[in-house]
Amino acid sequence: MESQELQVFDPVLLSHEECHWLLANLGTPPVVAIKTLPPIVNIKAVKPILDRVADLEQLQQHDGQAWIGIPALKEAILVYLREDAKWAADAKRSKHAPRFPSMYSFDSKGRAHIGGPGSDSGYVHTYFLPDGSRKPFAVPFVADEAFTWSPPGHTELPEKGLTVRADLNRWECFCGHTESFKPDSRASYNAARARMSKHLRKTTEEVEKHRELHTNEFGG
C-alpha cells in the first residue's frame, strides 16, 4: 500500500554505523546485503530502506518510473555525516558552540537561542548552507512526491509535540514525559531518542496523538 511505503530518506534517523553500512550496501539486493549485517546495525532501521530502493529500481527498470537514485541517497548520508562531524568538532573547540546548532536560532551577535524562530523542533532536521539558510537532511525517494496529504481520520497533533531541551539535556514529550541524555554524547542522545520513540509507541494515554507523533518524527 502506497501510504505504508517510505516517502523520504532521512539519514538523521540512523546511527553512524547504519549510515556507513548503507553507503556500502545501497543497491545490493536486500537478501544479499542482510547477510553482511553486523550486530551494531539494526535490521529494522536499514531493511525498509533496502526494500524501498530495490522496489524503486525495479519500477524504474520495467515501468520507467523515475526516482532520485542511489547516488542522491548516498550524498544525503555523506552530507549528514560531514555536518555532524563538524558540529561535534566545533562543540569541542568552543563551549559557546552548541552540539546541535540547527536546534537553535542565532541573534545578530551570534548568540544561540534554543528553540528560537526557525530552529529545528523535535530532532535535528536541517543544516546550514553558506548563506545561513537551512536545508533539510531528508530527501524524498521520488522527487515530485507530495507530503501534505492527510489521511481520513487524521488526528490533530498537539502544538508542542517533541522538544529537545539541550539546556536540560533531555527530550520532552507534549504529555510531560522526558528522557535525559549526557551532554556532548551522540550515543547517549540517540539512546534517549530511542527511549522516547518507545514511549510514543507504548504509552496508554492519548494513544492516537502519541502514535501519529511517532509516525511524523520517527518515520513509522
Protein backbone atom coordinates (compact mmCIF):
# COMPACT_ATOMS: atom_id res chain seq x y z
CA MET A 1 0.00 0.00 0.00
CA GLU A 2 1.37 3.41 -1.00
CA SER A 3 0.74 5.04 2.39
CA GLN A 4 2.93 2.43 4.05
CA GLU A 5 5.89 2.97 1.73
CA LEU A 6 8.79 5.12 2.80
CA GLN A 7 8.31 8.52 1.23
CA VAL A 8 11.51 10.18 2.44
CA PHE A 9 15.01 9.07 3.29
CA ASP A 10 16.28 10.73 6.47
CA PRO A 11 19.86 9.83 7.45
CA VAL A 12 19.44 11.61 10.80
CA LEU A 13 17.23 8.73 11.94
CA LEU A 14 20.12 6.31 11.51
CA SER A 15 23.19 5.69 13.63
CA HIS A 16 26.57 6.47 12.12
CA GLU A 17 27.22 2.75 11.80
CA GLU A 18 23.96 2.28 9.91
CA CYS A 19 24.84 5.20 7.64
CA HIS A 20 28.24 3.71 6.78
CA TRP A 21 26.72 0.28 6.21
CA LEU A 22 24.14 1.73 3.83
CA LEU A 23 26.85 3.60 1.94
CA ALA A 24 28.42 0.22 1.22
CA ASN A 25 25.20 -1.68 0.55
CA LEU A 26 22.61 0.58 -1.08
CA GLY A 27 21.64 -1.07 -4.34
CA THR A 28 22.63 -4.55 -3.21
CA PRO A 29 19.65 -6.95 -3.19
CA PRO A 30 18.26 -6.99 0.37
CA VAL A 31 18.59 -10.75 0.77
CA VAL A 32 22.28 -10.46 -0.08
CA ALA A 33 23.03 -7.29 1.88
CA ILE A 34 21.42 -8.54 5.08
CA LYS A 35 23.92 -11.42 5.18
CA THR A 36 26.68 -8.86 5.84
CA LEU A 37 24.77 -7.08 8.60
CA PRO A 38 26.99 -6.57 11.69
CA PRO A 39 25.40 -6.75 15.17
CA ILE A 40 25.79 -3.00 15.66
CA VAL A 41 23.46 -2.26 12.72
CA ASN A 42 19.72 -2.53 13.44
CA ILE A 43 17.99 -4.56 10.74
CA LYS A 44 14.69 -2.78 11.49
CA ALA A 45 16.34 0.54 10.63
CA VAL A 46 18.01 -0.43 7.36
CA LYS A 47 15.90 -3.19 5.79
CA PRO A 48 12.91 -0.96 4.93
CA ILE A 49 15.33 1.35 3.12
CA LEU A 50 16.91 -1.51 1.18
CA ASP A 51 13.47 -2.83 0.27
CA ARG A 52 12.27 0.61 -0.89
CA VAL A 53 15.39 1.12 -3.03
CA ALA A 54 15.01 -2.35 -4.57
CA ASP A 55 11.35 -1.63 -5.41
CA LEU A 56 12.17 1.73 -6.96
CA GLU A 57 15.00 0.27 -9.02
CA GLN A 58 12.62 -2.37 -10.37
CA LEU A 59 9.93 0.20 -11.18
CA GLN A 60 12.44 2.38 -12.97
CA GLN A 61 13.80 -0.55 -14.97
CA HIS A 62 10.46 -2.03 -16.01
CA ASP A 63 7.99 0.89 -15.94
CA GLY A 64 10.27 3.88 -16.41
CA GLN A 65 9.25 5.42 -13.07
CA ALA A 66 11.95 7.88 -12.15
CA TRP A 67 13.27 8.38 -8.62
CA ILE A 68 16.18 10.35 -7.18
CA GLY A 69 18.56 7.38 -7.37
CA ILE A 70 21.16 5.71 -5.19
CA PRO A 71 23.85 8.41 -5.67
CA ALA A 72 21.46 11.03 -4.23
CA LEU A 73 20.76 8.85 -1.17
CA LYS A 74 24.49 8.35 -0.61
CA GLU A 75 25.07 12.08 -0.97
CA ALA A 76 22.40 12.71 1.71
CA ILE A 77 24.25 10.34 4.05
CA LEU A 78 27.61 11.97 3.36
CA VAL A 79 26.20 15.44 3.96
CA TYR A 80 24.76 14.36 7.30
CA LEU A 81 27.98 12.66 8.44
CA ARG A 82 30.01 15.68 7.35
CA GLU A 83 27.80 18.21 9.13
CA ASP A 84 27.50 16.14 12.30
CA ALA A 85 31.29 15.71 12.47
CA LYS A 86 31.75 19.45 12.00
CA TRP A 87 29.24 20.24 14.74
CA ALA A 88 30.95 17.83 17.12
CA ALA A 89 34.36 19.36 16.40
CA ASP A 90 33.04 22.90 16.85
CA ALA A 91 31.43 21.97 20.18
CA LYS A 92 34.73 20.56 21.43
CA ARG A 93 36.66 23.64 20.39
CA SER A 94 34.31 26.17 21.95
CA LYS A 95 31.98 25.99 24.92
CA HIS A 96 29.78 28.52 23.14
CA ALA A 97 29.15 26.26 20.15
CA PRO A 98 26.01 24.11 20.54
CA ARG A 99 26.43 20.42 19.79
CA PHE A 100 23.39 20.53 17.50
CA PRO A 101 23.19 24.11 16.21
CA SER A 102 20.18 23.53 13.99
CA MET A 103 18.14 23.20 17.19
CA TYR A 104 18.91 26.89 17.82
CA SER A 105 18.35 30.25 16.26
CA PHE A 106 21.07 32.90 16.37
CA ASP A 107 20.80 36.62 17.02
CA SER A 108 22.79 39.41 15.35
CA LYS A 109 25.65 38.88 17.83
CA GLY A 110 25.85 35.17 17.06
CA ARG A 111 24.36 34.09 20.38
CA ALA A 112 22.46 30.80 20.27
CA HIS A 113 18.85 30.51 21.43
CA ILE A 114 17.45 27.01 21.68
CA GLY A 115 14.02 26.58 20.14
CA GLY A 116 14.13 30.07 18.62
CA PRO A 117 12.27 31.08 15.45
CA GLY A 118 13.19 28.87 12.51
CA SER A 119 15.11 26.31 14.58
CA ASP A 120 14.54 22.57 14.31
CA SER A 121 11.87 21.12 16.58
CA GLY A 122 11.81 17.59 17.98
CA TYR A 123 15.10 16.46 16.49
CA VAL A 124 17.72 17.63 14.01
CA HIS A 125 16.10 18.21 10.60
CA THR A 126 18.32 20.72 8.84
CA TYR A 127 21.84 22.00 8.31
CA PHE A 128 23.16 25.42 7.31
CA LEU A 129 24.11 26.49 3.81
CA PRO A 130 26.91 29.07 3.32
CA ASP A 131 24.38 31.91 3.11
CA GLY A 132 22.93 30.93 6.51
CA SER A 133 19.74 29.37 5.16
CA ARG A 134 18.69 25.93 6.28
CA LYS A 135 18.32 22.82 4.14
CA PRO A 136 16.70 19.53 5.22
CA PHE A 137 18.88 16.44 5.57
CA ALA A 138 15.96 14.30 4.43
CA VAL A 139 15.31 13.77 0.73
CA PRO A 140 12.21 12.31 -0.98
CA PHE A 141 12.71 9.00 -2.74
CA VAL A 142 10.61 10.34 -5.61
CA ALA A 143 11.29 14.00 -6.29
CA ASP A 144 7.71 15.04 -7.02
CA GLU A 145 6.09 13.20 -4.11
CA ALA A 146 3.72 15.37 -2.11
CA PHE A 147 3.87 15.26 1.67
CA THR A 148 0.91 17.50 2.54
CA TRP A 149 -1.84 14.89 2.13
CA SER A 150 -3.55 13.84 5.35
CA PRO A 151 -5.42 10.54 5.57
CA PRO A 152 -9.09 10.37 6.64
CA GLY A 153 -9.39 10.44 10.40
CA HIS A 154 -6.18 12.45 10.76
CA THR A 155 -5.63 13.27 14.43
CA GLU A 156 -4.78 16.85 15.30
CA LEU A 157 -1.35 16.82 16.88
CA PRO A 158 -0.58 18.88 19.97
CA GLU A 159 1.29 22.06 19.06
CA LYS A 160 4.29 21.28 21.24
CA GLY A 161 4.99 17.72 20.04
CA LEU A 162 8.55 16.73 20.91
CA THR A 163 11.18 19.14 22.11
CA VAL A 164 14.90 18.69 22.67
CA ARG A 165 15.97 20.76 25.67
CA ALA A 166 19.72 20.99 25.16
CA ASP A 167 19.96 23.29 28.19
CA LEU A 168 18.49 20.49 30.35
CA ASN A 169 19.97 17.61 28.31
CA ARG A 170 16.67 15.88 27.71
CA TRP A 171 13.87 15.11 25.29
CA GLU A 172 10.40 16.31 26.30
CA CYS A 173 7.06 14.97 25.07
CA PHE A 174 3.92 17.12 24.99
CA CYS A 175 2.46 14.89 27.72
CA GLY A 176 5.28 15.72 30.16
CA HIS A 177 7.33 12.54 29.70
CA THR A 178 11.10 13.18 29.47
CA GLU A 179 14.20 11.20 28.53
CA SER A 180 17.61 12.52 29.58
CA PHE A 181 20.93 12.25 27.77
CA LYS A 182 24.54 13.07 28.56
CA PRO A 183 25.86 16.33 27.10
CA ASP A 184 28.25 16.02 24.14
CA SER A 185 27.46 12.31 23.73
CA ARG A 186 25.82 11.33 20.46
CA ALA A 187 25.36 7.76 21.71
CA SER A 188 23.53 8.96 24.82
CA TYR A 189 21.44 11.37 22.70
CA ASN A 190 20.47 8.54 20.34
CA ALA A 191 19.66 6.24 23.26
CA ALA A 192 17.36 8.87 24.79
CA ARG A 193 15.77 9.38 21.41
CA ALA A 194 15.14 5.62 21.11
CA ARG A 195 13.54 5.57 24.57
CA MET A 196 11.31 8.47 23.57
CA SER A 197 10.32 6.56 20.44
CA LYS A 198 9.33 3.60 22.66
CA HIS A 199 7.33 5.92 24.92
CA LEU A 200 5.37 7.25 21.94
CA ARG A 201 4.60 3.71 20.78
CA LYS A 202 3.82 2.14 24.17
CA THR A 203 2.05 4.81 26.21
CA THR A 204 -1.59 4.11 27.09
CA GLU A 205 -2.56 7.79 27.35
CA GLU A 206 -3.68 9.86 24.33
CA VAL A 207 -2.68 6.89 22.21
CA GLU A 208 -3.61 8.27 18.78
CA LYS A 209 -1.76 11.56 19.28
CA HIS A 210 1.33 9.76 20.54
CA ARG A 211 1.31 7.28 17.65
CA GLU A 212 0.85 9.94 14.99
CA LEU A 213 3.62 11.98 16.57
CA HIS A 214 5.82 8.88 16.39
CA THR A 215 4.99 8.48 12.70
CA ASN A 216 5.82 12.12 11.98
CA GLU A 217 9.05 12.21 14.00
CA PHE A 218 10.42 8.68 13.62
CA GLY A 219 9.00 7.55 10.30
CA GLY A 220 6.56 4.85 11.44
